[in-house]
Amino acid sequence: MQAYGIVMVERIQKSIESIADDLTQLQDQFYLVGSSALVLAGIELENIDDLDLLTSNRDADFLKQRWKTNKLEDYSPAHADKFLSNFGRFKFDEILIEVMGELRIFHENEWQILSINDWQEVVINEKVSVKIPTLTEQYRIFTLFGREKDLKKANLILQQTKYIQPSNGN
């Protein structure tokens, strides 16, 4: 990993450490997804905009209540016709955090709850660790999302790894 990648990992770790007390109080499994999960899995990106936390509805409600003074009110997620969740966006110092409680994706003419089928744990410090989808799982999620920016990330996984091959549909 190049020096810039190490700096990005450290930035993500510092951001997670800043919310560690709240994360340890969550009642259900939660996952770090999106660009920050790619970086923690070793994929080099030019930048990350935010931390995306995939949670249960009750944990999303907990974080939304806990972080209400940091909530960005004038924000609504793009592609509302494709994604549905118990959503909140928050700003802490330099980092944006998006919470997605029970994220649903409109796929094959129905709303489907996004489930993480395969994950790995990343230890941040002695207090907190986070689960991220494996790279194969991240590839599946990005292609399922299907937006141009997600397909670019799926392609980065293929470019930077030798183990993941796109499905031929069989």
Protein backbone atom coordinates (compact mmCIF):
# COMPACT_ATOMS: atom_id res chain seq x y z
CA MET A 1 0.00 0.00 0.00
CA GLN A 2 1.37 3.37 -0.97
CA ALA A 3 1.88 6.17 1.54
CA TYR A 4 -1.33 7.91 0.47
CA GLY A 5 -3.28 4.69 1.11
CA ILE A 6 -1.78 4.43 4.59
CA VAL A 7 -2.84 8.02 5.32
CA MET A 8 -6.39 7.18 4.19
CA VAL A 9 -6.51 4.09 6.42
CA GLU A 10 -5.29 6.16 9.37
CA ARG A 11 -7.93 8.82 8.65
CA ILE A 12 -10.67 6.17 8.62
CA GLN A 13 -9.37 4.60 11.81
CA LYS A 14 -9.22 7.99 13.56
CA SER A 15 -12.79 8.73 12.47
CA ILE A 16 -14.03 5.39 13.78
CA GLU A 17 -12.15 5.94 17.05
CA SER A 18 -13.97 9.24 17.48
CA ILE A 19 -17.35 7.43 17.48
CA ALA A 20 -16.16 4.21 19.15
CA ASP A 21 -18.10 4.76 22.38
CA ASP A 22 -21.35 4.95 20.45
CA LEU A 23 -20.52 1.99 18.21
CA THR A 24 -19.87 -0.21 21.23
CA GLN A 25 -23.42 0.49 22.40
CA LEU A 26 -25.09 -0.82 19.24
CA GLN A 27 -27.27 -3.85 19.85
CA ASP A 28 -27.06 -5.54 16.46
CA GLN A 29 -24.41 -6.33 13.88
CA PHE A 30 -23.28 -3.32 11.89
CA TYR A 31 -20.97 -2.98 8.92
CA LEU A 32 -18.79 -0.31 7.44
CA VAL A 33 -19.55 -0.30 3.70
CA GLY A 34 -18.72 1.83 0.68
CA SER A 35 -15.45 3.57 -0.07
CA SER A 36 -14.04 3.39 3.45
CA ALA A 37 -14.59 -0.39 3.52
CA LEU A 38 -12.75 -0.66 0.20
CA VAL A 39 -9.78 1.25 1.60
CA LEU A 40 -9.68 -0.90 4.77
CA ALA A 41 -9.71 -3.97 2.51
CA GLY A 42 -6.63 -2.70 0.69
CA ILE A 43 -8.11 -1.07 -2.41
CA GLU A 44 -6.48 2.23 -3.29
CA LEU A 45 -8.85 5.13 -3.87
CA GLU A 46 -8.11 8.77 -4.58
CA ASN A 47 -10.40 9.93 -1.78
CA ILE A 48 -13.30 9.02 0.45
CA ASP A 49 -16.19 11.32 1.16
CA ASP A 50 -17.67 9.68 4.21
CA LEU A 51 -18.10 6.63 6.39
CA ASP A 52 -21.15 4.54 5.53
CA LEU A 53 -22.58 2.51 8.41
CA LEU A 54 -25.07 -0.23 7.62
CA THR A 55 -27.12 -0.92 10.76
CA SER A 56 -30.40 -2.32 11.99
CA ASN A 57 -33.35 0.05 12.31
CA ARG A 58 -33.09 0.22 16.09
CA ASP A 59 -29.37 1.00 15.96
CA ALA A 60 -30.01 3.66 13.31
CA ASP A 61 -32.60 5.21 15.63
CA PHE A 62 -30.10 5.09 18.51
CA LEU A 63 -27.35 6.81 16.49
CA LYS A 64 -29.74 9.39 15.07
CA GLN A 65 -30.82 10.30 18.58
CA ARG A 66 -27.29 10.23 19.96
CA TRP A 67 -25.88 12.35 17.12
CA LYS A 68 -28.84 14.71 16.61
CA THR A 69 -26.71 17.82 17.21
CA ASN A 70 -24.40 16.71 14.37
CA LYS A 71 -27.18 15.91 11.91
CA LEU A 72 -27.16 17.55 8.49
CA GLU A 73 -30.79 18.47 7.95
CA ASP A 74 -30.67 19.74 4.38
CA TYR A 75 -29.48 16.53 2.80
CA SER A 76 -31.42 13.84 1.05
CA PRO A 77 -29.69 10.88 -0.53
CA ALA A 78 -29.53 10.65 -4.30
CA HIS A 79 -31.35 7.87 -6.13
CA ALA A 80 -34.25 7.68 -3.67
CA ASP A 81 -36.06 5.57 -6.26
CA LYS A 82 -33.40 2.85 -5.86
CA PHE A 83 -32.51 3.03 -2.14
CA LEU A 84 -34.61 3.16 0.99
CA SER A 85 -33.38 3.15 4.59
CA ASN A 86 -33.69 4.63 8.05
CA PHE A 87 -31.19 7.28 6.96
CA GLY A 88 -29.20 10.00 8.64
CA ARG A 89 -26.16 12.04 7.65
CA PHE A 90 -23.91 13.55 10.30
CA LYS A 91 -20.82 15.75 10.40
CA PHE A 92 -18.09 15.32 13.02
CA ASP A 93 -15.15 17.67 12.56
CA GLU A 94 -13.77 16.70 9.16
CA ILE A 95 -15.73 13.50 8.59
CA LEU A 96 -19.21 12.83 7.29
CA ILE A 97 -21.00 9.71 8.51
CA GLU A 98 -24.02 8.22 6.82
CA VAL A 99 -26.18 5.78 8.78
CA MET A 100 -28.37 3.42 6.80
CA GLY A 101 -30.74 1.41 8.94
CA GLU A 102 -32.05 -1.69 7.17
CA LEU A 103 -31.00 -0.51 3.72
CA ARG A 104 -33.28 -1.71 0.94
CA ILE A 105 -32.46 -1.75 -2.76
CA PHE A 106 -35.05 -1.79 -5.52
CA HIS A 107 -33.88 -4.75 -7.58
CA GLU A 108 -35.77 -7.06 -9.93
CA ASN A 109 -38.97 -5.04 -9.40
CA GLU A 110 -39.04 -5.37 -5.62
CA TRP A 111 -37.48 -3.88 -2.50
CA GLN A 112 -34.81 -6.18 -1.07
CA ILE A 113 -32.99 -5.74 2.23
CA LEU A 114 -29.26 -5.57 1.70
CA SER A 115 -27.66 -8.41 3.61
CA ILE A 116 -23.94 -8.90 4.06
CA ASN A 117 -23.23 -12.54 3.35
CA ASP A 118 -19.47 -12.61 3.90
CA TRP A 119 -17.42 -10.22 6.01
CA GLN A 120 -14.13 -9.74 7.81
CA GLU A 121 -13.40 -7.93 11.03
CA VAL A 122 -10.98 -5.00 11.14
CA VAL A 123 -9.59 -4.14 14.56
CA ILE A 124 -9.40 -0.38 14.98
CA ASN A 125 -8.08 -0.37 18.56
CA GLU A 126 -8.54 -2.29 21.82
CA LYS A 127 -11.99 -0.75 22.22
CA VAL A 128 -13.64 -1.21 18.83
CA SER A 129 -13.51 -3.22 15.65
CA VAL A 130 -15.69 -2.99 12.58
CA LYS A 131 -16.98 -5.54 10.15
CA ILE A 132 -16.50 -4.89 6.45
CA PRO A 133 -17.74 -7.00 3.55
CA THR A 134 -15.05 -9.13 1.92
CA LEU A 135 -13.86 -7.84 -1.44
CA THR A 136 -15.95 -10.46 -3.24
CA GLU A 137 -18.98 -9.30 -1.27
CA GLN A 138 -18.16 -5.65 -1.91
CA TYR A 139 -17.99 -6.41 -5.63
CA ARG A 140 -21.44 -8.01 -5.42
CA ILE A 141 -22.87 -5.02 -3.54
CA PHE A 142 -21.43 -2.39 -5.88
CA THR A 143 -22.74 -4.21 -8.95
CA LEU A 144 -26.13 -4.63 -7.26
CA PHE A 145 -26.27 -0.88 -6.57
CA GLY A 146 -25.58 -0.39 -10.27
CA ARG A 147 -24.91 3.35 -10.28
CA GLU A 148 -22.00 4.60 -12.36
CA LYS A 149 -19.91 5.46 -9.28
CA ASP A 150 -20.57 2.00 -7.80
CA LEU A 151 -19.65 0.20 -11.02
CA LYS A 152 -16.37 2.16 -11.08
CA LYS A 153 -15.62 0.88 -7.56
CA ALA A 154 -16.49 -2.68 -8.60
CA ASN A 155 -14.09 -2.28 -11.50
CA LEU A 156 -11.34 -1.03 -9.14
CA ILE A 157 -11.71 -4.26 -7.16
CA LEU A 158 -11.17 -6.26 -10.36
CA GLN A 159 -8.19 -4.11 -11.37
CA GLN A 160 -6.45 -4.28 -7.99
CA THR A 161 -7.03 -7.93 -7.10
CA LYS A 162 -6.30 -11.14 -8.90
CA TYR A 163 -8.72 -13.37 -7.03
CA ILE A 164 -12.09 -11.90 -7.92
CA GLN A 165 -13.52 -12.56 -11.34
CA PRO A 166 -16.85 -11.16 -12.51
CA SER A 167 -19.67 -13.66 -12.71
CA ASN A 168 -20.60 -14.80 -16.19
CA GLY A 169 -24.22 -15.09 -15.08
CA ASN A 170 -24.20 -18.86 -14.52
